[in-house]
Amino acid sequence: MPIGRRAAFLGMGGAAMAAAAGSSFAQNARTGRAIVGFPPGGTADSVTRMYVERLRALGAAQMVVDNRPGAGGRLALENLKPLAPDGTAFVITPASMLTIYPHLYARTLRYDPLKDFTPVSPVCVFPFGLAVSSKHPAKTLQEFVAWGKTRTSVDWASPVPGSMPHFIGTELARMAGLNMSHIPYRGSAPAAADLLSGTLQAVILPLGEMTAFHRAGEMRLLAISSPQRLPRLQEVPTFAESGFPELVHEEWYGAVLPGGAAPATVTALYDAIVAAAATPEIKDALTRIDISPLTVEPGAFRERIARETATWGPIVAASGFKPDE
């Protein structure tokens, strides 16, 4: 948002500005469609629905959520790519589909993140956590590393092979000198259940998928991947302060339009997202699942995607992981 318009946003009544942003987007988008690449009920779907509900309240009354699950989130972006860039459809996608997948699926990826899409803004951000069962002997990450070095192998899981937490785990294993055997899962819930049952020795999952178990004393969070400790989890250190400063990674969910969207279309959606993110409803709903609202101006968001894509390239290469393309 240019400085003058940002000042106007801060100076106007919040409700009036929110209504204006929503109305502008509604007029621009006509019947809007927020495409999400995962089934109903998951975190990506829930976050998308939170924002769609707020955008409806701000004036985009005809907006609907269109679930297009498949190919690890790629299918939604493949569906968006050929559509008209007129604001009638956009995708809210996890970062990995834009920043990691170009390295994983170099031969078969059917889209170019920055050529085929127009970045608008992130809508939220969250870290990942390394957790063990409450019965595990390790109370800290350092104790976990020492314990792991006494084992032939450590069985651990991430939500999806080739996901950001998967590569956080491979980096941890490499840096700590551990032999960690990744067990593929389809989603956080079954991995968390198997950790609690003793089938797994550790998991790296989105933080919000584990905090309830941690607070109930069923699971022990050893470290999180955010830059600083979180206010709601002051007792849990970061990977950085636990001796692994390279393991600062957060996943954002971001809104993108088809490539070639006009500046007015981008601005209308961006302003509506900023207005929605500022509402108590969004802030409270995200806080309950340990996710933070986040908005970044379209130009800076494009730069962030390019920068993080470059960062993940050598990490993916060093992992040696090869997906079934």
C-alpha atoms as a PDB file:
ATOM      1  CA  MET A   1       0.000   0.000   0.000  1.00  0.00           C
ATOM      2  CA  PRO A   2       1.570   3.368  -0.985  1.00  0.00           C
ATOM      3  CA  ILE A   3       2.411   5.660   1.932  1.00  0.00           C
ATOM      4  CA  GLY A   4      -0.466   8.057   1.287  1.00  0.00           C
ATOM      5  CA  ARG A   5      -3.044   5.307   1.130  1.00  0.00           C
ATOM      6  CA  ARG A   6      -1.537   3.586   4.186  1.00  0.00           C
ATOM      7  CA  ALA A   7      -1.873   6.827   6.129  1.00  0.00           C
ATOM      8  CA  ALA A   8      -5.465   7.082   4.971  1.00  0.00           C
ATOM      9  CA  PHE A   9      -6.075   3.517   6.200  1.00  0.00           C
ATOM     10  CA  LEU A  10      -4.677   4.327   9.626  1.00  0.00           C
ATOM     11  CA  GLY A  11      -6.457   7.652   9.818  1.00  0.00           C
ATOM     12  CA  MET A  12      -9.933   6.503   8.789  1.00  0.00           C
ATOM     13  CA  GLY A  13     -12.251   4.571  11.052  1.00  0.00           C
ATOM     14  CA  GLY A  14     -11.352   0.892  10.807  1.00  0.00           C
ATOM     15  CA  ALA A  15     -14.879  -0.228   9.974  1.00  0.00           C
ATOM     16  CA  ALA A  16     -15.302   2.436   7.298  1.00  0.00           C
ATOM     17  CA  MET A  17     -11.992   1.592   5.641  1.00  0.00           C
ATOM     18  CA  ALA A  18     -12.669  -2.143   5.846  1.00  0.00           C
ATOM     19  CA  ALA A  19     -16.046  -1.664   4.199  1.00  0.00           C
ATOM     20  CA  ALA A  20     -14.487   0.479   1.479  1.00  0.00           C
ATOM     21  CA  ALA A  21     -11.789  -2.126   0.775  1.00  0.00           C
ATOM     22  CA  GLY A  22     -14.320  -4.955   0.674  1.00  0.00           C
ATOM     23  CA  SER A  23     -16.655  -2.975  -1.565  1.00  0.00           C
ATOM     24  CA  SER A  24     -13.816  -2.148  -3.960  1.00  0.00           C
ATOM     25  CA  PHE A  25     -12.825  -5.794  -4.165  1.00  0.00           C
ATOM     26  CA  ALA A  26     -16.419  -6.954  -4.585  1.00  0.00           C
ATOM     27  CA  GLN A  27     -16.988  -4.534  -7.460  1.00  0.00           C
ATOM     28  CA  ASN A  28     -13.758  -5.633  -9.087  1.00  0.00           C
ATOM     29  CA  ALA A  29     -14.165  -9.362  -8.518  1.00  0.00           C
ATOM     30  CA  ARG A  30     -17.887  -9.736  -9.248  1.00  0.00           C
ATOM     31  CA  THR A  31     -18.438 -13.414  -8.337  1.00  0.00           C
ATOM     32  CA  GLY A  32     -15.197 -14.370  -6.582  1.00  0.00           C
ATOM     33  CA  ARG A  33     -13.686 -17.829  -6.182  1.00  0.00           C
ATOM     34  CA  ALA A  34     -10.992 -18.658  -3.642  1.00  0.00           C
ATOM     35  CA  ILE A  35      -9.403 -21.908  -4.805  1.00  0.00           C
ATOM     36  CA  VAL A  36      -7.702 -24.074  -2.183  1.00  0.00           C
ATOM     37  CA  GLY A  37      -5.571 -27.078  -3.033  1.00  0.00           C
ATOM     38  CA  PHE A  38      -6.520 -29.238  -0.069  1.00  0.00           C
ATOM     39  CA  PRO A  39      -9.671 -30.992   1.199  1.00  0.00           C
ATOM     40  CA  PRO A  40     -12.119 -29.308   3.568  1.00  0.00           C
ATOM     41  CA  GLY A  41     -11.114 -29.395   7.222  1.00  0.00           C
ATOM     42  CA  GLY A  42      -7.352 -28.948   6.926  1.00  0.00           C
ATOM     43  CA  THR A  43      -5.399 -25.865   7.964  1.00  0.00           C
ATOM     44  CA  ALA A  44      -5.131 -24.400   4.454  1.00  0.00           C
ATOM     45  CA  ASP A  45      -8.864 -24.842   3.916  1.00  0.00           C
ATOM     46  CA  SER A  46      -9.706 -23.408   7.346  1.00  0.00           C
ATOM     47  CA  VAL A  47      -7.550 -20.318   6.833  1.00  0.00           C
ATOM     48  CA  THR A  48      -9.018 -19.749   3.377  1.00  0.00           C
ATOM     49  CA  ARG A  49     -12.552 -19.987   4.762  1.00  0.00           C
ATOM     50  CA  MET A  50     -11.716 -17.532   7.558  1.00  0.00           C
ATOM     51  CA  TYR A  51     -10.632 -14.947   5.025  1.00  0.00           C
ATOM     52  CA  VAL A  52     -13.498 -15.644   2.631  1.00  0.00           C
ATOM     53  CA  GLU A  53     -15.976 -15.172   5.475  1.00  0.00           C
ATOM     54  CA  ARG A  54     -14.395 -11.814   6.332  1.00  0.00           C
ATOM     55  CA  LEU A  55     -14.262 -10.749   2.673  1.00  0.00           C
ATOM     56  CA  ARG A  56     -17.953 -11.569   2.348  1.00  0.00           C
ATOM     57  CA  ALA A  57     -18.655  -9.429   5.395  1.00  0.00           C
ATOM     58  CA  LEU A  58     -16.627  -6.624   3.823  1.00  0.00           C
ATOM     59  CA  GLY A  59     -18.722  -6.658   0.654  1.00  0.00           C
ATOM     60  CA  ALA A  60     -17.623  -9.599  -1.511  1.00  0.00           C
ATOM     61  CA  ALA A  61     -20.902 -11.396  -0.854  1.00  0.00           C
ATOM     62  CA  GLN A  62     -20.698 -13.696  -3.889  1.00  0.00           C
ATOM     63  CA  MET A  63     -17.324 -15.213  -3.019  1.00  0.00           C
ATOM     64  CA  VAL A  64     -17.124 -19.006  -2.602  1.00  0.00           C
ATOM     65  CA  VAL A  65     -14.427 -21.508  -1.632  1.00  0.00           C
ATOM     66  CA  ASP A  66     -13.527 -23.965  -4.387  1.00  0.00           C
ATOM     67  CA  ASN A  67     -11.618 -27.014  -3.071  1.00  0.00           C
ATOM     68  CA  ARG A  68      -9.369 -28.594  -5.698  1.00  0.00           C
ATOM     69  CA  PRO A  69      -7.267 -31.075  -3.716  1.00  0.00           C
ATOM     70  CA  GLY A  70      -4.574 -33.077  -5.402  1.00  0.00           C
ATOM     71  CA  ALA A  71      -0.878 -33.300  -6.290  1.00  0.00           C
ATOM     72  CA  GLY A  72       0.179 -31.871  -2.931  1.00  0.00           C
ATOM     73  CA  GLY A  73      -1.495 -28.527  -3.552  1.00  0.00           C
ATOM     74  CA  ARG A  74      -0.313 -28.177  -7.156  1.00  0.00           C
ATOM     75  CA  LEU A  75      -3.705 -28.872  -8.674  1.00  0.00           C
ATOM     76  CA  ALA A  76      -5.214 -25.628  -7.368  1.00  0.00           C
ATOM     77  CA  LEU A  77      -2.452 -23.593  -8.970  1.00  0.00           C
ATOM     78  CA  GLU A  78      -2.736 -25.549 -12.204  1.00  0.00           C
ATOM     79  CA  ASN A  79      -6.456 -24.710 -12.223  1.00  0.00           C
ATOM     80  CA  LEU A  80      -5.771 -21.032 -11.597  1.00  0.00           C
ATOM     81  CA  LYS A  81      -3.059 -20.614 -14.233  1.00  0.00           C
ATOM     82  CA  PRO A  82      -5.267 -20.439 -17.398  1.00  0.00           C
ATOM     83  CA  LEU A  83      -8.007 -18.284 -15.858  1.00  0.00           C
ATOM     84  CA  ALA A  84      -8.577 -14.642 -16.712  1.00  0.00           C
ATOM     85  CA  PRO A  85      -6.615 -12.316 -14.367  1.00  0.00           C
ATOM     86  CA  ASP A  86      -9.701 -10.219 -13.658  1.00  0.00           C
ATOM     87  CA  GLY A  87      -9.990 -10.878  -9.927  1.00  0.00           C
ATOM     88  CA  THR A  88     -12.769 -13.444 -10.194  1.00  0.00           C
ATOM     89  CA  ALA A  89     -10.473 -16.238  -8.970  1.00  0.00           C
ATOM     90  CA  PHE A  90      -7.398 -16.482  -6.790  1.00  0.00           C
ATOM     91  CA  VAL A  91      -5.576 -19.157  -4.780  1.00  0.00           C
ATOM     92  CA  ILE A  92      -4.494 -19.071  -1.157  1.00  0.00           C
ATOM     93  CA  THR A  93      -1.556 -21.480  -1.151  1.00  0.00           C
ATOM     94  CA  PRO A  94       1.120 -22.591   1.293  1.00  0.00           C
ATOM     95  CA  ALA A  95       4.578 -21.235   0.505  1.00  0.00           C
ATOM     96  CA  SER A  96       5.990 -24.645  -0.413  1.00  0.00           C
ATOM     97  CA  MET A  97       3.982 -24.862  -3.633  1.00  0.00           C
ATOM     98  CA  LEU A  98       5.748 -21.702  -4.843  1.00  0.00           C
ATOM     99  CA  THR A  99       9.187 -21.881  -3.225  1.00  0.00           C
ATOM    100  CA  ILE A 100      10.061 -25.577  -2.776  1.00  0.00           C
ATOM    101  CA  TYR A 101       8.161 -27.370  -5.543  1.00  0.00           C
ATOM    102  CA  PRO A 102      10.186 -25.741  -8.354  1.00  0.00           C
ATOM    103  CA  HIS A 103      13.198 -27.663  -6.990  1.00  0.00           C
ATOM    104  CA  LEU A 104      11.323 -30.883  -6.231  1.00  0.00           C
ATOM    105  CA  TYR A 105       9.443 -31.130  -9.521  1.00  0.00           C
ATOM    106  CA  ALA A 106      11.896 -29.417 -11.845  1.00  0.00           C
ATOM    107  CA  ARG A 107      10.913 -31.616 -14.811  1.00  0.00           C
ATOM    108  CA  THR A 108       7.181 -31.910 -14.323  1.00  0.00           C
ATOM    109  CA  LEU A 109       5.923 -28.762 -12.598  1.00  0.00           C
ATOM    110  CA  ARG A 110       3.223 -27.267 -14.812  1.00  0.00           C
ATOM    111  CA  TYR A 111       3.588 -23.688 -13.652  1.00  0.00           C
ATOM    112  CA  ASP A 112       6.231 -21.045 -13.052  1.00  0.00           C
ATOM    113  CA  PRO A 113       5.483 -19.364  -9.691  1.00  0.00           C
ATOM    114  CA  LEU A 114       6.405 -15.837 -10.777  1.00  0.00           C
ATOM    115  CA  LYS A 115       5.577 -15.953 -14.491  1.00  0.00           C
ATOM    116  CA  ASP A 116       2.207 -17.688 -14.300  1.00  0.00           C
ATOM    117  CA  PHE A 117       0.885 -15.966 -11.158  1.00  0.00           C
ATOM    118  CA  THR A 118       0.627 -12.456  -9.752  1.00  0.00           C
ATOM    119  CA  PRO A 119       1.560 -12.347  -6.050  1.00  0.00           C
ATOM    120  CA  VAL A 120      -0.867 -10.310  -3.930  1.00  0.00           C
ATOM    121  CA  SER A 121       0.018 -10.865  -0.263  1.00  0.00           C
ATOM    122  CA  PRO A 122       0.564 -13.483   2.396  1.00  0.00           C
ATOM    123  CA  VAL A 123      -2.442 -13.875   4.671  1.00  0.00           C
ATOM    124  CA  CYS A 124      -0.804 -15.629   7.639  1.00  0.00           C
ATOM    125  CA  VAL A 125       2.405 -17.223   8.872  1.00  0.00           C
ATOM    126  CA  PHE A 126       3.304 -19.985  11.332  1.00  0.00           C
ATOM    127  CA  PRO A 127       6.359 -21.974  12.486  1.00  0.00           C
ATOM    128  CA  PHE A 128       6.927 -25.687  12.875  1.00  0.00           C
ATOM    129  CA  GLY A 129       7.837 -27.593  16.003  1.00  0.00           C
ATOM    130  CA  LEU A 130       9.905 -30.657  16.857  1.00  0.00           C
ATOM    131  CA  ALA A 131       8.061 -32.774  19.393  1.00  0.00           C
ATOM    132  CA  VAL A 132       8.494 -36.062  21.207  1.00  0.00           C
ATOM    133  CA  SER A 133       6.123 -38.023  23.412  1.00  0.00           C
ATOM    134  CA  SER A 134       5.891 -36.912  27.031  1.00  0.00           C
ATOM    135  CA  LYS A 135       7.392 -40.326  27.897  1.00  0.00           C
ATOM    136  CA  HIS A 136      10.555 -39.613  25.886  1.00  0.00           C
ATOM    137  CA  PRO A 137      13.709 -39.172  28.010  1.00  0.00           C
ATOM    138  CA  ALA A 138      14.762 -35.963  26.215  1.00  0.00           C
ATOM    139  CA  LYS A 139      13.612 -32.722  27.826  1.00  0.00           C
ATOM    140  CA  THR A 140      15.547 -30.418  25.464  1.00  0.00           C
ATOM    141  CA  LEU A 141      16.734 -30.460  21.868  1.00  0.00           C
ATOM    142  CA  GLN A 142      20.324 -30.956  23.065  1.00  0.00           C
ATOM    143  CA  GLU A 143      19.224 -34.001  25.062  1.00  0.00           C
ATOM    144  CA  PHE A 144      17.341 -35.301  22.015  1.00  0.00           C
ATOM    145  CA  VAL A 145      20.482 -35.011  19.873  1.00  0.00           C
ATOM    146  CA  ALA A 146      22.564 -36.790  22.542  1.00  0.00           C
ATOM    147  CA  TRP A 147      19.917 -39.516  22.810  1.00  0.00           C
ATOM    148  CA  GLY A 148      19.719 -39.859  19.026  1.00  0.00           C
ATOM    149  CA  LYS A 149      23.459 -40.433  18.770  1.00  0.00           C
ATOM    150  CA  THR A 150      23.075 -43.551  20.904  1.00  0.00           C
ATOM    151  CA  ARG A 151      20.561 -44.997  18.455  1.00  0.00           C
ATOM    152  CA  THR A 152      21.112 -46.753  15.154  1.00  0.00           C
ATOM    153  CA  SER A 153      18.262 -44.715  13.683  1.00  0.00           C
ATOM    154  CA  VAL A 154      15.550 -42.312  14.820  1.00  0.00           C
ATOM    155  CA  ASP A 155      12.112 -42.797  13.240  1.00  0.00           C
ATOM    156  CA  TRP A 156      10.392 -39.466  12.698  1.00  0.00           C
ATOM    157  CA  ALA A 157       7.648 -38.003  10.516  1.00  0.00           C
ATOM    158  CA  SER A 158       6.545 -34.817   8.801  1.00  0.00           C
ATOM    159  CA  PRO A 159       3.023 -34.208   7.448  1.00  0.00           C
ATOM    160  CA  VAL A 160       3.955 -34.783   3.793  1.00  0.00           C
ATOM    161  CA  PRO A 161       7.115 -35.947   2.021  1.00  0.00           C
ATOM    162  CA  GLY A 162       8.746 -32.993   0.292  1.00  0.00           C
ATOM    163  CA  SER A 163       7.131 -30.454   2.631  1.00  0.00           C
ATOM    164  CA  MET A 164       8.913 -27.692   4.530  1.00  0.00           C
ATOM    165  CA  PRO A 165       8.968 -29.641   7.833  1.00  0.00           C
ATOM    166  CA  HIS A 166      10.414 -32.634   5.955  1.00  0.00           C
ATOM    167  CA  PHE A 167      13.404 -30.550   4.905  1.00  0.00           C
ATOM    168  CA  ILE A 168      13.746 -28.954   8.338  1.00  0.00           C
ATOM    169  CA  GLY A 169      14.145 -32.507   9.632  1.00  0.00           C
ATOM    170  CA  THR A 170      16.718 -33.498   7.023  1.00  0.00           C
ATOM    171  CA  GLU A 171      18.695 -30.329   7.822  1.00  0.00           C
ATOM    172  CA  LEU A 172      18.544 -31.054  11.552  1.00  0.00           C
ATOM    173  CA  ALA A 173      19.786 -34.612  10.970  1.00  0.00           C
ATOM    174  CA  ARG A 174      22.659 -33.378   8.791  1.00  0.00           C
ATOM    175  CA  MET A 175      23.726 -30.604  11.169  1.00  0.00           C
ATOM    176  CA  ALA A 176      23.424 -32.724  14.320  1.00  0.00           C
ATOM    177  CA  GLY A 177      25.062 -35.803  12.822  1.00  0.00           C
ATOM    178  CA  LEU A 178      22.006 -37.992  13.426  1.00  0.00           C
ATOM    179  CA  ASN A 179      20.707 -40.919  11.415  1.00  0.00           C
ATOM    180  CA  MET A 180      17.037 -39.949  11.198  1.00  0.00           C
ATOM    181  CA  SER A 181      14.721 -42.179   9.166  1.00  0.00           C
ATOM    182  CA  HIS A 182      11.824 -40.199   7.668  1.00  0.00           C
ATOM    183  CA  ILE A 183       8.500 -42.053   7.719  1.00  0.00           C
ATOM    184  CA  PRO A 184       6.092 -40.680   5.076  1.00  0.00           C
ATOM    185  CA  TYR A 185       2.618 -39.668   6.227  1.00  0.00           C
ATOM    186  CA  ARG A 186      -0.388 -38.014   4.655  1.00  0.00           C
ATOM    187  CA  GLY A 187      -1.210 -35.259   7.087  1.00  0.00           C
ATOM    188  CA  SER A 188      -0.355 -34.112  10.586  1.00  0.00           C
ATOM    189  CA  ALA A 189      -3.130 -35.910  12.473  1.00  0.00           C
ATOM    190  CA  PRO A 190      -2.013 -39.504  11.811  1.00  0.00           C
ATOM    191  CA  ALA A 191       1.630 -38.593  12.491  1.00  0.00           C
ATOM    192  CA  ALA A 192       0.704 -36.979  15.824  1.00  0.00           C
ATOM    193  CA  ALA A 193      -1.411 -40.004  16.750  1.00  0.00           C
ATOM    194  CA  ASP A 194       1.480 -42.370  16.064  1.00  0.00           C
ATOM    195  CA  LEU A 195       3.851 -40.240  18.132  1.00  0.00           C
ATOM    196  CA  LEU A 196       1.440 -40.431  21.065  1.00  0.00           C
ATOM    197  CA  SER A 197       1.077 -44.199  20.649  1.00  0.00           C
ATOM    198  CA  GLY A 198       4.846 -44.732  20.602  1.00  0.00           C
ATOM    199  CA  THR A 199       5.092 -45.806  16.950  1.00  0.00           C
ATOM    200  CA  LEU A 200       7.217 -42.737  16.151  1.00  0.00           C
ATOM    201  CA  GLN A 201      10.068 -41.232  18.151  1.00  0.00           C
ATOM    202  CA  ALA A 202       9.666 -37.641  16.931  1.00  0.00           C
ATOM    203  CA  VAL A 203       7.629 -35.443  14.611  1.00  0.00           C
ATOM    204  CA  ILE A 204       8.092 -32.070  12.957  1.00  0.00           C
ATOM    205  CA  LEU A 205       4.656 -30.585  12.298  1.00  0.00           C
ATOM    206  CA  PRO A 206       2.924 -27.205  12.047  1.00  0.00           C
ATOM    207  CA  LEU A 207       3.005 -25.775  15.536  1.00  0.00           C
ATOM    208  CA  GLY A 208      -0.763 -25.375  15.789  1.00  0.00           C
ATOM    209  CA  GLU A 209      -1.215 -29.116  15.255  1.00  0.00           C
ATOM    210  CA  MET A 210       0.677 -29.890  18.473  1.00  0.00           C
ATOM    211  CA  THR A 211       0.119 -27.123  21.016  1.00  0.00           C
ATOM    212  CA  ALA A 212      -3.013 -28.687  22.531  1.00  0.00           C
ATOM    213  CA  PHE A 213      -1.135 -31.962  23.122  1.00  0.00           C
ATOM    214  CA  HIS A 214       1.825 -30.033  24.537  1.00  0.00           C
ATOM    215  CA  ARG A 215      -0.335 -28.065  26.959  1.00  0.00           C
ATOM    216  CA  ALA A 216      -2.123 -31.263  28.011  1.00  0.00           C
ATOM    217  CA  GLY A 217       1.217 -32.885  28.841  1.00  0.00           C
ATOM    218  CA  GLU A 218       0.857 -35.620  26.224  1.00  0.00           C
ATOM    219  CA  MET A 219       3.540 -34.304  23.883  1.00  0.00           C
ATOM    220  CA  ARG A 220       6.727 -32.333  24.560  1.00  0.00           C
ATOM    221  CA  LEU A 221       7.755 -29.535  22.214  1.00  0.00           C
ATOM    222  CA  LEU A 222      11.545 -29.326  22.131  1.00  0.00           C
ATOM    223  CA  ALA A 223      12.070 -26.484  19.649  1.00  0.00           C
ATOM    224  CA  ILE A 224      10.213 -24.297  17.170  1.00  0.00           C
ATOM    225  CA  SER A 225      11.360 -22.850  13.849  1.00  0.00           C
ATOM    226  CA  SER A 226      10.299 -19.224  14.397  1.00  0.00           C
ATOM    227  CA  PRO A 227      12.874 -16.406  14.732  1.00  0.00           C
ATOM    228  CA  GLN A 228      11.876 -15.759  18.374  1.00  0.00           C
ATOM    229  CA  ARG A 229       9.956 -17.524  21.113  1.00  0.00           C
ATOM    230  CA  LEU A 230       6.215 -17.092  20.890  1.00  0.00           C
ATOM    231  CA  PRO A 231       4.215 -15.214  23.554  1.00  0.00           C
ATOM    232  CA  ARG A 232       1.822 -18.138  24.046  1.00  0.00           C
ATOM    233  CA  LEU A 233       4.698 -20.662  24.341  1.00  0.00           C
ATOM    234  CA  GLN A 234       7.430 -18.846  26.215  1.00  0.00           C
ATOM    235  CA  GLU A 235       8.689 -22.120  27.655  1.00  0.00           C
ATOM    236  CA  VAL A 236       9.595 -23.544  24.224  1.00  0.00           C
ATOM    237  CA  PRO A 237      12.944 -22.401  22.765  1.00  0.00           C
ATOM    238  CA  THR A 238      13.670 -21.852  19.099  1.00  0.00           C
ATOM    239  CA  PHE A 239      15.981 -24.062  17.046  1.00  0.00           C
ATOM    240  CA  ALA A 240      18.285 -21.041  16.751  1.00  0.00           C
ATOM    241  CA  GLU A 241      18.763 -20.595  20.491  1.00  0.00           C
ATOM    242  CA  SER A 242      19.139 -24.369  20.839  1.00  0.00           C
ATOM    243  CA  GLY A 243      22.243 -24.374  18.660  1.00  0.00           C
ATOM    244  CA  PHE A 244      20.811 -24.495  15.127  1.00  0.00           C
ATOM    245  CA  PRO A 245      20.587 -20.894  13.837  1.00  0.00           C
ATOM    246  CA  GLU A 246      20.074 -22.063  10.250  1.00  0.00           C
ATOM    247  CA  LEU A 247      16.739 -23.677  11.147  1.00  0.00           C
ATOM    248  CA  VAL A 248      14.628 -20.525  11.062  1.00  0.00           C
ATOM    249  CA  HIS A 249      11.809 -21.330   8.661  1.00  0.00           C
ATOM    250  CA  GLU A 250       8.162 -20.289   8.692  1.00  0.00           C
ATOM    251  CA  GLU A 251       5.397 -21.303   6.319  1.00  0.00           C
ATOM    252  CA  TRP A 252       3.098 -18.604   5.032  1.00  0.00           C
ATOM    253  CA  TYR A 253      -0.129 -18.958   3.160  1.00  0.00           C
ATOM    254  CA  GLY A 254      -0.332 -16.435   0.356  1.00  0.00           C
ATOM    255  CA  ALA A 255      -2.873 -15.153  -2.160  1.00  0.00           C
ATOM    256  CA  VAL A 256      -1.962 -15.154  -5.855  1.00  0.00           C
ATOM    257  CA  LEU A 257      -3.946 -14.177  -8.948  1.00  0.00           C
ATOM    258  CA  PRO A 258      -3.398 -15.503 -12.467  1.00  0.00           C
ATOM    259  CA  GLY A 259      -0.414 -13.964 -14.232  1.00  0.00           C
ATOM    260  CA  GLY A 260      -0.875 -10.592 -15.863  1.00  0.00           C
ATOM    261  CA  ALA A 261      -3.389  -9.196 -13.372  1.00  0.00           C
ATOM    262  CA  ALA A 262      -3.845  -5.447 -13.715  1.00  0.00           C
ATOM    263  CA  PRO A 263      -2.485  -3.259 -10.878  1.00  0.00           C
ATOM    264  CA  ALA A 264      -6.021  -2.135  -9.989  1.00  0.00           C
ATOM    265  CA  THR A 265      -7.127  -5.757  -9.591  1.00  0.00           C
ATOM    266  CA  VAL A 266      -4.112  -6.596  -7.426  1.00  0.00           C
ATOM    267  CA  THR A 267      -4.629  -3.495  -5.285  1.00  0.00           C
ATOM    268  CA  ALA A 268      -8.320  -4.242  -4.759  1.00  0.00           C
ATOM    269  CA  LEU A 269      -7.635  -7.759  -3.495  1.00  0.00           C
ATOM    270  CA  TYR A 270      -4.632  -6.634  -1.448  1.00  0.00           C
ATOM    271  CA  ASP A 271      -6.617  -3.880   0.267  1.00  0.00           C
ATOM    272  CA  ALA A 272      -9.421  -6.335   1.054  1.00  0.00           C
ATOM    273  CA  ILE A 273      -6.959  -8.842   2.553  1.00  0.00           C
ATOM    274  CA  VAL A 274      -5.337  -6.132   4.689  1.00  0.00           C
ATOM    275  CA  ALA A 275      -8.763  -5.045   5.915  1.00  0.00           C
ATOM    276  CA  ALA A 276      -9.773  -8.628   6.704  1.00  0.00           C
ATOM    277  CA  ALA A 277      -6.481  -9.396   8.496  1.00  0.00           C
ATOM    278  CA  ALA A 278      -7.032  -6.390  10.766  1.00  0.00           C
ATOM    279  CA  THR A 279     -10.405  -7.608  12.037  1.00  0.00           C
ATOM    280  CA  PRO A 280     -10.676  -9.101  15.549  1.00  0.00           C
ATOM    281  CA  GLU A 281     -12.423 -12.136  14.044  1.00  0.00           C
ATOM    282  CA  ILE A 282      -9.384 -13.098  11.934  1.00  0.00           C
ATOM    283  CA  LYS A 283      -6.863 -12.284  14.657  1.00  0.00           C
ATOM    284  CA  ASP A 284      -8.722 -14.285  17.303  1.00  0.00           C
ATOM    285  CA  ALA A 285      -9.434 -17.269  15.037  1.00  0.00           C
ATOM    286  CA  LEU A 286      -5.810 -17.543  13.917  1.00  0.00           C
ATOM    287  CA  THR A 287      -4.417 -17.045  17.419  1.00  0.00           C
ATOM    288  CA  ARG A 288      -6.470 -19.995  18.648  1.00  0.00           C
ATOM    289  CA  ILE A 289      -4.531 -22.259  16.271  1.00  0.00           C
ATOM    290  CA  ASP A 290      -1.174 -20.539  16.865  1.00  0.00           C
ATOM    291  CA  ILE A 291      -1.069 -18.802  13.495  1.00  0.00           C
ATOM    292  CA  SER A 292      -0.398 -15.081  13.010  1.00  0.00           C
ATOM    293  CA  PRO A 293      -1.989 -12.788  10.401  1.00  0.00           C
ATOM    294  CA  LEU A 294       0.561 -11.421   7.935  1.00  0.00           C
ATOM    295  CA  THR A 295       0.252  -9.039   5.010  1.00  0.00           C
ATOM    296  CA  VAL A 296       3.035  -7.840   2.698  1.00  0.00           C
ATOM    297  CA  GLU A 297       2.702  -5.423  -0.208  1.00  0.00           C
ATOM    298  CA  PRO A 298       2.549  -7.167  -3.623  1.00  0.00           C
ATOM    299  CA  GLY A 299       5.999  -6.049  -4.785  1.00  0.00           C
ATOM    300  CA  ALA A 300       7.671  -7.116  -1.556  1.00  0.00           C
ATOM    301  CA  PHE A 301       5.735 -10.394  -1.628  1.00  0.00           C
ATOM    302  CA  ARG A 302       7.090 -11.148  -5.118  1.00  0.00           C
ATOM    303  CA  GLU A 303      10.622 -10.462  -3.853  1.00  0.00           C
ATOM    304  CA  ARG A 304      10.031 -12.721  -0.859  1.00  0.00           C
ATOM    305  CA  ILE A 305       8.920 -15.607  -3.072  1.00  0.00           C
ATOM    306  CA  ALA A 306      12.023 -15.199  -5.259  1.00  0.00           C
ATOM    307  CA  ARG A 307      14.335 -14.970  -2.234  1.00  0.00           C
ATOM    308  CA  GLU A 308      12.877 -18.017  -0.474  1.00  0.00           C
ATOM    309  CA  THR A 309      12.921 -20.049  -3.694  1.00  0.00           C
ATOM    310  CA  ALA A 310      16.660 -19.407  -3.930  1.00  0.00           C
ATOM    311  CA  THR A 311      17.127 -20.359  -0.262  1.00  0.00           C
ATOM    312  CA  TRP A 312      15.378 -23.711  -0.588  1.00  0.00           C
ATOM    313  CA  GLY A 313      17.266 -24.857  -3.695  1.00  0.00           C
ATOM    314  CA  PRO A 314      20.464 -26.043  -1.971  1.00  0.00           C
ATOM    315  CA  ILE A 315      18.518 -27.414   1.005  1.00  0.00           C
ATOM    316  CA  VAL A 316      16.395 -29.634  -1.230  1.00  0.00           C
ATOM    317  CA  ALA A 317      19.482 -30.718  -3.192  1.00  0.00           C
ATOM    318  CA  ALA A 318      21.410 -31.585  -0.018  1.00  0.00           C
ATOM    319  CA  SER A 319      18.527 -33.699   1.282  1.00  0.00           C
ATOM    320  CA  GLY A 320      18.804 -36.118  -1.632  1.00  0.00           C
ATOM    321  CA  PHE A 321      15.018 -36.528  -1.593  1.00  0.00           C
ATOM    322  CA  LYS A 322      13.477 -37.483  -4.928  1.00  0.00           C
ATOM    323  CA  PRO A 323       9.662 -37.471  -5.111  1.00  0.00           C
ATOM    324  CA  ASP A 324       7.650 -39.775  -7.338  1.00  0.00           C
ATOM    325  CA  GLU A 325       6.949 -37.258 -10.118  1.00  0.00           C
END
